[in-house]
Every structure is written in C-alpha cells, then in structure tokens.
C-alpha cells in the first residue's frame, strides 16, 4: 500500500535556527529516501519528466534509489542536470515535476526534490560521478556569467568536447547561487562543490573578469572564440520610487543579501562587512527574495522582522515552503499594505508610511489589482528597510554591444527554443532574457542554448 503522505524531512527547530545560518532542512537518511522512492508509481507517460525544465529521467533515478543503487541514481540525474545539489534545495518542484506527478492527483506527490537532494548529498560522501566528455572538437566557447544558466551551458558544452571558458565579474563563481540565496537555504560549500565538479570536467572559470570592461563581447568573438553564451542575469535592483528611499538603512535586497551571503556579514568581525539591522526590519515584497531577506534579518539579530506586501496571502509569489518557514520563525506578514514613503531622522530611516489596500479587478498578471483604501494611512516604526520587489536585466553587455537586439524592458531578445540572438554566434538565456525567474528555468535555458551552440559550431 502506498503511503498517502510524502516522507517528511527533518528540520532544525525554529527557535534554534533563527540564531544560526546552518541549513534548515536536514535531508533524508537512506531509509527515508528508499521509503519515499517506493511511493513512485513508475508510470509510463512520466508527466514529471515533461514538467522538469531540464528533462531529468525522474522515474529512472527514483527506481535506482529504491533499489539502493545510489551511484546509478546520481549518474542518471547528471545526464540532464549539472547542479543536482542546488536544484534539490531551491527548485520549485511543487509547480513543476511534483505539480504534475500522477500520484499527486489523489495523494501527496512524490517528493522528487528531496530525493534529488539525497542523491547529490550521497555523492558528496562517496566517489564522485564524472560525466563522460566527448573527444575535443577544437571549438572555443565563451560563457559570460557563472550563474545557473551559465554554469549549465558550460557543463553541457564541455561534455560535447568543446573548450569552454566562463567569465565571472565577481571574485567567486556561482552568481545568484552565491550572492542571492542565503546560507540557511543553500550552503555555499554545496554550490562550490558543484562548481568544482565542472572544473574537474575541464571547464575553465575566470573570476574578476568583467566582460564589457576587460573585453567586449565582440572582442571575444574576434579573438578566437567560435560562439558566446550570455547568462548575466537580472542583477539591477528595482525600487519603489517613493520619497525617502535614499535614507541610510534602506537597502536593496541585492545589497542586503550580497553583503550577508557573499561578504559574510553574519560573521563580523571575522569579515569586516557588518549590517546593523537594529530592533525591527521591514522588508517590502512577497517573493522568495523577500522571504530570504526577512528570515536573514532575524539571524542578523533583529527582534522583529516584518514583511509588507500589497496583496493578500493567496497572491504571494513566494514558494509555500518558504512562507511556511518564515512564519515558523516569527516573521510577521503585513498583507494588503503598501509603503508610500520612508520617514527619516538625521538621515536614517525611522518609519515606513503605509496605506491599507483592497483587491479590485485582475491586472495583466491575472492577479487582482490592489487598490488603496482612502484615509487608511499608518506608520510602522523601523530601523532597517529592505526593498525586495524584483530586479531588472544586468545592463553591461547590452550597453557595450550596441548591435545586440533588446526587448522593450531591456532584456536581450533571444529565441525561446535556442537562445539565439540577432548576432551571429551569440546566444543568451536565463534572467537576462526572461527577467527574474527560477534557478531551474535558467538552467533549462542554458541547456537549450548549449544544444543550439553545439549545432552552430559543428556546421
């Protein structure tokens, strides 16, 4: 008989974890993984595979877990996914592979993400699975950006025998995986482990290399690269455009999380990048980045962490798991609330002036449009504000490649199936094309572009 509910994953207790940056979920034991794998129906049409942006053979790897053939399971995953330890932790499986799981029609779906994480973590303590690299082709590919799209494209192209160099503008590789996602959700050692696996495969990664400054995209192609993939992401923070956003103590989520994750603000004075959050932190936004920021604030020492979001909980774009964890940790949700001004004292933020909202007719996104309630102004006292309402495309490549076609929003215009741009030999994918999306969607774009680049350079 199939268990009706997915095997739960052990976690740190909320009152313990808000005082540390250690990972919250603790992973499956082998017995727990096998128990969960036994719930898979192994259905022939396997809708979970089509629901996965990188097309992992999900029934195949789960069957191997069930049979305790964990080496075969991770090898099967790595045929399609170069970053399984990352995806097993931050992928929104509930809306992708698990969202179309056949078992989920009548019971809880198979916990595919947890099983993927188990396989990747098993590999970390056993002999590494190194994918086969095809014979050298003599073709050189430049990959600009080492986020999930760039790393995936690099791994796929290297496996096909091409000489691949990744250019990263920061001092460490990983992009948003390193600077954007907190340690308690995605430990940096795990990201580094995945990057090291790509290096063992033969991918060269050059950090502190700002393409657009040390060399333009055109210059790379003139200097011997046969093709280029641009995966520079959405790193330009968006702001509300209301009075007081320039006050001290008002951060973009990019700065707040980068200083915490990449520059280790939580380990001050060992790392000299402190963030003095004060007693109360207000985070504006309702996505995963907002949840990450609000939960980080507690770990940095805030007594209270408040999220201000202009719609209701039903419209929150964050994953349900992240909202659940935030609530468990004591994050307060001020819903149907919209900030209209930040108030200061001696140049530093002291309060957020807000309006109550109510939901009207649906807007272009399909969600009901928030409408201000007259006479509903009120203030929330605060010591720190984090703006987490989204990001725009990183502008450097478009600015230094004048012939590159862009969309109205400033993203690179690229074919959705191949990543091809209007420039010969130049491909793009991930957030720089679509706008801010998920890690796995960026990886899917990198994988599709790699296939197209391989075909292009092999003509």
Protein backbone atom coordinates (compact mmCIF):
# COMPACT_ATOMS: atom_id res chain seq x y z
CA UNK A 1 0.00 0.00 0.00
CA UNK A 2 1.33 3.44 -0.96
CA UNK A 3 1.81 5.90 1.86
CA UNK A 4 -0.65 8.78 1.34
CA UNK A 5 1.77 11.49 2.51
CA UNK A 6 5.31 12.22 1.43
CA UNK A 7 8.06 11.19 3.83
CA UNK A 8 8.75 14.31 5.93
CA UNK A 9 12.23 15.81 6.06
CA UNK A 10 13.76 16.57 9.43
CA UNK A 11 14.48 20.25 10.12
CA UNK A 12 16.14 22.46 12.68
CA UNK A 13 13.64 23.73 15.25
CA UNK A 14 12.54 27.33 14.52
CA UNK A 15 13.69 28.70 17.89
CA UNK A 16 17.15 27.24 17.25
CA UNK A 17 17.66 28.06 13.58
CA UNK A 18 16.86 31.77 13.83
CA UNK A 19 20.14 32.10 15.73
CA UNK A 20 22.33 30.41 13.12
CA UNK A 21 22.91 30.28 9.37
CA UNK A 22 23.05 26.48 9.15
CA UNK A 23 20.79 24.75 6.65
CA UNK A 24 17.19 24.41 7.85
CA UNK A 25 16.13 21.06 6.26
CA UNK A 26 18.46 18.25 7.29
CA UNK A 27 17.96 15.87 4.36
CA UNK A 28 16.79 12.25 4.10
CA UNK A 29 18.53 9.28 5.62
CA UNK A 30 18.97 6.33 3.26
CA UNK A 31 15.96 4.54 4.74
CA UNK A 32 13.80 7.66 4.43
CA UNK A 33 14.86 8.10 0.80
CA UNK A 34 14.05 4.50 -0.05
CA UNK A 35 10.68 4.77 1.70
CA UNK A 36 9.86 7.88 -0.37
CA UNK A 37 11.17 6.33 -3.60
CA UNK A 38 8.82 3.37 -3.01
CA UNK A 39 5.85 5.73 -3.41
CA UNK A 40 6.67 6.39 -7.09
CA UNK A 41 4.20 4.71 -9.46
CA UNK A 42 6.77 4.43 -12.29
CA UNK A 43 4.02 5.46 -14.69
CA UNK A 44 4.75 5.02 -18.40
CA UNK A 45 3.89 8.51 -19.58
CA UNK A 46 6.02 10.07 -16.78
CA UNK A 47 4.50 13.58 -16.72
CA UNK A 48 7.15 14.55 -14.16
CA UNK A 49 9.81 14.43 -16.88
CA UNK A 50 7.97 16.89 -19.10
CA UNK A 51 7.38 19.04 -16.01
CA UNK A 52 11.14 19.31 -15.41
CA UNK A 53 12.77 22.22 -17.29
CA UNK A 54 15.94 20.18 -17.84
CA UNK A 55 14.20 16.86 -18.58
CA UNK A 56 15.67 14.61 -15.86
CA UNK A 57 14.71 10.93 -16.13
CA UNK A 58 12.87 11.13 -12.84
CA UNK A 59 11.33 7.63 -12.76
CA UNK A 60 14.73 6.18 -13.69
CA UNK A 61 16.68 7.83 -10.88
CA UNK A 62 13.92 7.14 -8.32
CA UNK A 63 13.85 3.47 -9.28
CA UNK A 64 17.62 3.33 -8.73
CA UNK A 65 17.21 4.90 -5.26
CA UNK A 66 14.56 2.33 -4.39
CA UNK A 67 16.98 -0.43 -5.38
CA UNK A 68 19.77 1.19 -3.29
CA UNK A 69 21.77 1.86 -6.46
CA UNK A 70 22.60 5.41 -5.49
CA UNK A 71 25.58 5.65 -7.83
CA UNK A 72 23.31 4.82 -10.75
CA UNK A 73 20.73 7.32 -9.48
CA UNK A 74 23.11 10.29 -9.37
CA UNK A 75 24.60 9.28 -12.73
CA UNK A 76 21.10 9.29 -14.24
CA UNK A 77 20.38 12.75 -12.80
CA UNK A 78 23.68 14.15 -14.07
CA UNK A 79 22.87 13.09 -17.61
CA UNK A 80 20.48 16.08 -17.61
CA UNK A 81 21.36 18.26 -14.63
CA UNK A 82 24.83 19.60 -13.78
CA UNK A 83 23.70 21.09 -10.44
CA UNK A 84 21.59 18.46 -8.62
CA UNK A 85 22.53 19.52 -5.08
CA UNK A 86 21.37 23.04 -5.90
CA UNK A 87 18.14 22.02 -7.63
CA UNK A 88 17.26 19.58 -4.88
CA UNK A 89 17.25 22.51 -2.48
CA UNK A 90 15.87 25.57 -4.27
CA UNK A 91 13.84 24.26 -7.23
CA UNK A 92 10.09 24.98 -7.01
CA UNK A 93 9.23 21.31 -7.59
CA UNK A 94 5.70 21.85 -6.35
CA UNK A 95 4.85 23.80 -9.52
CA UNK A 96 6.97 21.71 -11.89
CA UNK A 97 7.74 17.98 -11.67
CA UNK A 98 5.77 17.38 -8.48
CA UNK A 99 2.93 19.58 -9.71
CA UNK A 100 2.14 17.08 -12.48
CA UNK A 101 3.02 13.89 -10.56
CA UNK A 102 0.36 11.23 -11.22
CA UNK A 103 0.29 10.21 -7.58
CA UNK A 104 -0.48 13.81 -6.67
CA UNK A 105 -3.92 13.54 -8.26
CA UNK A 106 -5.19 11.61 -5.24
CA UNK A 107 -2.40 11.66 -2.65
CA UNK A 108 0.62 13.82 -1.89
CA UNK A 109 3.01 13.80 -4.86
CA UNK A 110 6.36 12.03 -4.66
CA UNK A 111 8.95 14.31 -3.01
CA UNK A 112 11.14 14.40 -6.11
CA UNK A 113 13.24 17.36 -4.98
CA UNK A 114 14.09 15.74 -1.65
CA UNK A 115 15.16 12.57 -3.45
CA UNK A 116 17.33 14.57 -5.87
CA UNK A 117 18.98 16.27 -2.90
CA UNK A 118 19.55 12.88 -1.25
CA UNK A 119 21.33 11.58 -4.36
CA UNK A 120 23.55 14.66 -4.64
CA UNK A 121 24.42 14.56 -0.94
CA UNK A 122 25.13 10.82 -1.15
CA UNK A 123 27.60 11.53 -3.95
CA UNK A 124 29.39 14.10 -1.78
CA UNK A 125 30.40 11.37 0.68
CA UNK A 126 31.17 8.74 -1.95
CA UNK A 127 33.10 8.56 -5.19
CA UNK A 128 32.12 11.44 -7.48
CA UNK A 129 30.21 10.72 -10.65
CA UNK A 130 32.07 12.45 -13.50
CA UNK A 131 30.13 12.59 -16.77
CA UNK A 132 31.85 11.47 -19.96
CA UNK A 133 33.48 14.16 -22.10
CA UNK A 134 33.42 13.64 -25.86
CA UNK A 135 36.63 13.99 -27.92
CA UNK A 136 37.96 17.53 -28.32
CA UNK A 137 36.35 19.47 -31.17
CA UNK A 138 38.83 22.35 -31.25
CA UNK A 139 35.98 24.84 -30.84
CA UNK A 140 36.21 27.57 -28.18
CA UNK A 141 33.09 28.86 -26.41
CA UNK A 142 32.90 31.89 -24.12
CA UNK A 143 30.28 31.86 -21.37
CA UNK A 144 29.61 35.24 -19.77
CA UNK A 145 28.22 34.90 -16.26
CA UNK A 146 28.57 31.97 -13.85
CA UNK A 147 25.04 31.79 -12.52
CA UNK A 148 22.80 28.76 -13.09
CA UNK A 149 22.29 29.45 -16.82
CA UNK A 150 25.99 29.98 -17.50
CA UNK A 151 27.19 27.01 -15.43
CA UNK A 152 24.65 24.70 -17.09
CA UNK A 153 25.58 25.86 -20.59
CA UNK A 154 29.27 25.47 -19.75
CA UNK A 155 28.84 21.93 -18.46
CA UNK A 156 26.76 20.82 -21.43
CA UNK A 157 29.17 22.31 -23.95
CA UNK A 158 32.22 20.82 -22.23
CA UNK A 159 30.64 17.37 -22.25
CA UNK A 160 30.27 17.73 -26.01
CA UNK A 161 34.02 18.20 -26.34
CA UNK A 162 34.25 21.98 -26.68
CA UNK A 163 36.83 24.19 -24.97
CA UNK A 164 34.77 26.33 -22.55
CA UNK A 165 35.78 29.42 -20.58
CA UNK A 166 33.40 31.07 -18.12
CA UNK A 167 33.92 34.77 -17.33
CA UNK A 168 32.61 35.95 -13.94
CA UNK A 169 32.71 39.60 -12.83
CA UNK A 170 32.76 38.85 -9.08
CA UNK A 171 35.62 37.27 -7.15
CA UNK A 172 33.82 33.93 -6.80
CA UNK A 173 31.79 31.93 -9.29
CA UNK A 174 28.16 30.98 -8.80
CA UNK A 175 26.21 34.18 -9.50
CA UNK A 176 22.91 34.38 -7.65
CA UNK A 177 23.56 30.97 -6.09
CA UNK A 178 26.41 32.56 -4.15
CA UNK A 179 25.29 36.13 -3.54
CA UNK A 180 21.50 35.90 -3.58
CA UNK A 181 20.33 32.77 -1.77
CA UNK A 182 21.05 32.60 1.98
CA UNK A 183 23.35 30.02 3.54
CA UNK A 184 20.46 28.51 5.52
CA UNK A 185 18.69 27.65 2.27
CA UNK A 186 21.67 26.87 0.05
CA UNK A 187 25.04 26.38 1.79
CA UNK A 188 27.86 27.95 -0.22
CA UNK A 189 30.04 24.86 0.22
CA UNK A 190 27.45 22.92 -1.76
CA UNK A 191 27.48 25.46 -4.59
CA UNK A 192 31.28 25.35 -4.57
CA UNK A 193 31.14 21.56 -4.74
CA UNK A 194 29.06 21.74 -7.91
CA UNK A 195 31.41 24.34 -9.43
CA UNK A 196 34.43 22.19 -8.58
CA UNK A 197 32.77 19.28 -10.42
CA UNK A 198 32.56 21.43 -13.55
CA UNK A 199 36.22 22.37 -13.19
CA UNK A 200 37.13 18.66 -12.97
CA UNK A 201 35.21 18.24 -16.20
CA UNK A 202 37.57 20.73 -17.80
CA UNK A 203 35.55 23.96 -17.69
CA UNK A 204 37.81 26.99 -17.12
CA UNK A 205 36.33 29.66 -14.86
CA UNK A 206 37.95 33.10 -14.75
CA UNK A 207 36.77 35.37 -11.92
CA UNK A 208 37.19 39.16 -11.65
CA UNK A 209 36.71 39.33 -15.42
CA UNK A 210 34.13 41.96 -16.35
CA UNK A 211 33.11 41.34 -19.95
CA UNK A 212 32.23 44.77 -21.26
CA UNK A 213 35.25 46.28 -19.49
CA UNK A 214 38.29 43.99 -19.87
CA UNK A 215 36.91 42.93 -23.27
CA UNK A 216 33.63 43.40 -25.09
CA UNK A 217 31.56 40.54 -26.44
CA UNK A 218 32.59 41.50 -29.98
CA UNK A 219 36.26 41.40 -28.98
CA UNK A 220 35.92 37.90 -27.52
CA UNK A 221 34.50 36.65 -30.79
CA UNK A 222 37.23 38.39 -32.79
CA UNK A 223 39.91 36.96 -30.52
CA UNK A 224 39.20 33.33 -31.36
CA UNK A 225 36.01 32.26 -29.62
CA UNK A 226 33.66 30.47 -32.03
CA UNK A 227 30.49 31.34 -30.09
CA UNK A 228 29.38 33.01 -26.88
CA UNK A 229 26.61 32.45 -24.37
CA UNK A 230 25.41 35.37 -22.23
CA UNK A 231 23.89 34.46 -18.88
CA UNK A 232 24.47 37.64 -16.89
CA UNK A 233 21.16 37.52 -15.06
CA UNK A 234 18.91 40.15 -13.55
CA UNK A 235 21.19 41.98 -11.17
CA UNK A 236 19.82 45.51 -11.36
CA UNK A 237 17.62 46.16 -8.30
CA UNK A 238 14.26 47.83 -8.73
CA UNK A 239 12.95 50.44 -6.31
CA UNK A 240 9.54 51.82 -5.39
CA UNK A 241 10.26 55.42 -6.43
CA UNK A 242 8.76 56.86 -3.25
CA UNK A 243 10.19 59.60 -1.01
CA UNK A 244 12.88 58.57 1.44
CA UNK A 245 14.38 55.62 -0.45
CA UNK A 246 17.80 57.28 -0.28
CA UNK A 247 17.85 57.30 3.55
CA UNK A 248 20.56 55.37 5.36
CA UNK A 249 19.24 52.00 6.45
CA UNK A 250 17.23 51.44 3.26
CA UNK A 251 18.79 48.57 1.29
CA UNK A 252 18.01 46.85 -1.95
CA UNK A 253 17.63 43.10 -1.39
CA UNK A 254 20.64 42.66 -3.70
CA UNK A 255 22.91 44.64 -1.39
CA UNK A 256 21.42 43.22 1.80
CA UNK A 257 21.78 39.60 0.70
CA UNK A 258 25.12 40.06 -1.08
CA UNK A 259 26.68 41.62 2.00
CA UNK A 260 25.29 38.77 4.09
CA UNK A 261 25.92 35.80 1.80
CA UNK A 262 28.99 36.64 -0.25
CA UNK A 263 30.72 39.03 2.16
CA UNK A 264 29.71 37.09 5.30
CA UNK A 265 28.24 40.00 7.28
CA UNK A 266 26.89 37.49 9.79
CA UNK A 267 30.50 36.57 10.72
CA UNK A 268 31.58 40.10 11.73
CA UNK A 269 34.24 40.93 12.91
CA UNK A 270 35.93 37.96 11.19
CA UNK A 271 34.61 39.50 7.96
CA UNK A 272 34.55 43.32 8.03
CA UNK A 273 31.13 43.85 6.43
CA UNK A 274 28.65 44.42 9.26
CA UNK A 275 24.95 45.10 8.79
CA UNK A 276 23.49 46.69 11.89
CA UNK A 277 19.83 45.83 11.44
CA UNK A 278 18.57 47.25 14.73
CA UNK A 279 15.46 46.11 16.55
CA UNK A 280 12.95 45.92 13.68
CA UNK A 281 13.45 45.26 9.95
CA UNK A 282 10.73 45.87 7.34
CA UNK A 283 11.02 44.01 4.04
CA UNK A 284 8.92 45.19 1.10
CA UNK A 285 7.82 42.45 -1.30
CA UNK A 286 6.27 38.99 -1.34
CA UNK A 287 8.56 36.73 -3.37
CA UNK A 288 11.25 34.26 -2.36
CA UNK A 289 13.82 37.07 -2.15
CA UNK A 290 11.60 38.93 0.31
CA UNK A 291 11.25 35.79 2.45
CA UNK A 292 15.02 35.27 2.30
CA UNK A 293 15.62 38.86 3.39
CA UNK A 294 13.11 38.76 6.24
CA UNK A 295 14.48 35.46 7.57
CA UNK A 296 18.05 36.73 7.24
CA UNK A 297 17.15 39.82 9.30
CA UNK A 298 16.25 37.63 12.27
CA UNK A 299 19.54 35.78 12.01
CA UNK A 300 21.41 39.09 11.96
CA UNK A 301 19.89 39.93 15.32
CA UNK A 302 16.60 41.76 14.67
CA UNK A 303 13.97 41.31 17.36
CA UNK A 304 11.18 41.70 14.80
CA UNK A 305 11.08 41.05 11.06
CA UNK A 306 8.08 42.35 9.14
CA UNK A 307 7.07 41.76 5.52
CA UNK A 308 4.92 44.42 3.87
CA UNK A 309 3.06 43.16 0.78
CA UNK A 310 0.34 44.96 -1.13
CA UNK A 311 -1.76 41.91 -2.00
CA UNK A 312 -3.21 39.08 0.11
CA UNK A 313 -1.51 35.85 1.11
CA UNK A 314 -3.18 33.99 -1.76
CA UNK A 315 -1.23 36.16 -4.21
CA UNK A 316 2.18 35.79 -2.55
CA UNK A 317 4.62 34.73 -5.29
CA UNK A 318 6.98 33.04 -2.81
CA UNK A 319 7.06 29.26 -2.52
CA UNK A 320 4.66 27.92 0.09
CA UNK A 321 7.56 26.18 1.81
CA UNK A 322 9.39 29.49 2.19
CA UNK A 323 6.29 31.25 3.56
CA UNK A 324 5.79 28.36 6.00
CA UNK A 325 9.38 28.56 7.22
CA UNK A 326 9.18 32.34 7.57
CA UNK A 327 6.01 32.12 9.66
CA UNK A 328 7.51 29.38 11.85
CA UNK A 329 10.47 31.64 12.55
CA UNK A 330 8.26 34.53 13.61
CA UNK A 331 8.30 36.73 10.51
CA UNK A 332 5.21 38.96 10.59
CA UNK A 333 3.19 39.40 7.38
CA UNK A 334 1.50 42.79 6.94
CA UNK A 335 -0.67 41.97 3.93
CA UNK A 336 -2.77 44.32 1.80
CA UNK A 337 -0.32 47.02 2.84
CA UNK A 338 1.60 49.34 0.51
CA UNK A 339 4.50 51.63 1.52
CA UNK A 340 4.20 55.18 0.18
CA UNK A 341 7.06 56.93 1.99
CA UNK A 342 10.09 56.26 4.17
CA UNK A 343 10.47 58.69 7.04
CA UNK A 344 13.85 59.60 8.47
CA UNK A 345 15.60 61.11 11.45
CA UNK A 346 19.07 62.65 10.97
CA UNK A 347 19.42 60.93 7.61
CA UNK A 348 18.46 57.44 8.76
CA UNK A 349 15.16 55.65 8.22
CA UNK A 350 12.90 55.56 11.28
CA UNK A 351 9.47 54.55 9.91
CA UNK A 352 7.52 53.37 6.85
CA UNK A 353 4.34 55.24 5.99
CA UNK A 354 1.82 52.78 4.51
CA UNK A 355 -1.67 52.60 3.04
CA UNK A 356 -4.15 49.79 3.56
CA UNK A 357 -5.17 48.13 0.28
CA UNK A 358 -8.09 46.11 -1.01
CA UNK A 359 -8.21 43.87 -4.06
CA UNK A 360 -10.01 45.03 -7.19
CA UNK A 361 -10.20 43.59 -10.70
CA UNK A 362 -7.39 41.36 -12.09
CA UNK A 363 -4.45 43.12 -13.74
CA UNK A 364 -2.23 41.95 -16.64
CA UNK A 365 -0.62 39.31 -14.42
CA UNK A 366 -4.01 37.73 -13.69
CA UNK A 367 -3.84 38.69 -10.02
CA UNK A 368 -6.39 41.06 -8.52
CA UNK A 369 -5.13 44.63 -8.59
CA UNK A 370 -4.51 46.24 -5.17
CA UNK A 371 -6.46 49.47 -4.67
CA UNK A 372 -5.72 51.99 -1.86
CA UNK A 373 -8.29 52.40 0.92
CA UNK A 374 -8.93 56.12 1.46
CA UNK A 375 -7.90 57.53 4.82
CA UNK A 376 -6.05 54.36 5.83
CA UNK A 377 -2.53 55.77 6.29
CA UNK A 378 -0.46 54.44 9.18
CA UNK A 379 3.21 54.11 10.12
CA UNK A 380 5.44 51.20 11.03
CA UNK A 381 8.50 52.14 13.05
CA UNK A 382 11.67 50.51 11.78
CA UNK A 383 15.45 50.59 11.96
CA UNK A 384 16.13 48.98 8.58
CA UNK A 385 14.21 48.55 5.33
CA UNK A 386 14.89 46.01 2.57
CA UNK A 387 13.34 46.57 -0.88
CA UNK A 388 12.69 43.18 -2.48
CA UNK A 389 10.31 43.91 -5.37
CA UNK A 390 12.35 42.47 -8.23
CA UNK A 391 15.34 43.10 -10.46
CA UNK A 392 15.98 44.31 -13.96
CA UNK A 393 18.47 42.93 -16.52
CA UNK A 394 22.17 43.43 -15.90
CA UNK A 395 22.94 46.34 -18.28
CA UNK A 396 26.66 45.99 -19.06
CA UNK A 397 26.57 43.59 -22.04
CA UNK A 398 23.71 45.46 -23.77
CA UNK A 399 25.50 48.78 -23.18
CA UNK A 400 28.78 47.56 -24.66
CA UNK A 401 27.29 45.54 -27.54
CA UNK A 402 25.37 48.21 -29.46
CA UNK A 403 24.11 45.93 -32.24
CA UNK A 404 22.56 43.43 -29.82
CA UNK A 405 18.74 43.46 -30.07
CA UNK A 406 16.85 44.12 -26.84
CA UNK A 407 13.24 43.90 -25.71
CA UNK A 408 11.28 46.93 -24.51
CA UNK A 409 12.20 46.04 -20.93
CA UNK A 410 15.94 46.00 -21.72
CA UNK A 411 16.34 42.23 -21.74
CA UNK A 412 18.30 40.54 -24.51
CA UNK A 413 15.98 39.42 -27.30
CA UNK A 414 16.63 35.71 -27.86
CA UNK A 415 14.80 32.76 -29.38
CA UNK A 416 13.00 30.85 -26.62
CA UNK A 417 13.90 27.46 -28.11
CA UNK A 418 17.57 28.03 -28.92
CA UNK A 419 18.71 31.20 -27.14
CA UNK A 420 19.92 32.61 -30.46
CA UNK A 421 20.17 36.40 -30.60
CA UNK A 422 20.28 38.63 -33.68
CA UNK A 423 24.11 38.45 -33.64
CA UNK A 424 25.80 35.53 -35.35
CA UNK A 425 27.33 33.15 -32.81
CA UNK A 426 25.85 34.94 -29.80
CA UNK A 427 23.30 33.14 -27.61
CA UNK A 428 21.66 34.15 -24.34
CA UNK A 429 19.47 32.62 -21.67
CA UNK A 430 18.20 32.88 -18.12
CA UNK A 431 17.11 36.06 -16.37
CA UNK A 432 18.91 38.35 -18.84
CA UNK A 433 16.35 37.13 -21.41
CA UNK A 434 13.22 36.33 -19.40
CA UNK A 435 13.54 38.67 -16.45
CA UNK A 436 13.85 37.31 -12.92
CA UNK A 437 12.71 33.67 -12.83
CA UNK A 438 13.72 30.43 -11.09
CA UNK A 439 17.10 28.72 -10.95
CA UNK A 440 15.84 25.67 -12.84
CA UNK A 441 14.26 27.77 -15.59
CA UNK A 442 17.62 29.48 -16.10
CA UNK A 443 19.29 26.09 -16.21
CA UNK A 444 16.79 24.89 -18.80
CA UNK A 445 17.60 27.92 -20.95
CA UNK A 446 21.32 27.24 -20.60
CA UNK A 447 20.84 23.63 -21.64
CA UNK A 448 18.76 24.51 -24.71
CA UNK A 449 21.28 27.14 -25.76
CA UNK A 450 24.15 24.67 -25.37
CA UNK A 451 22.46 22.28 -27.78
CA UNK A 452 21.97 25.11 -30.29
CA UNK A 453 25.58 26.33 -29.89
CA UNK A 454 26.87 22.80 -30.40
CA UNK A 455 24.93 22.57 -33.66
CA UNK A 456 26.15 26.02 -34.73
CA UNK A 457 29.88 25.39 -34.20
CA UNK A 458 29.64 21.89 -35.67
CA UNK A 459 28.42 23.02 -39.07
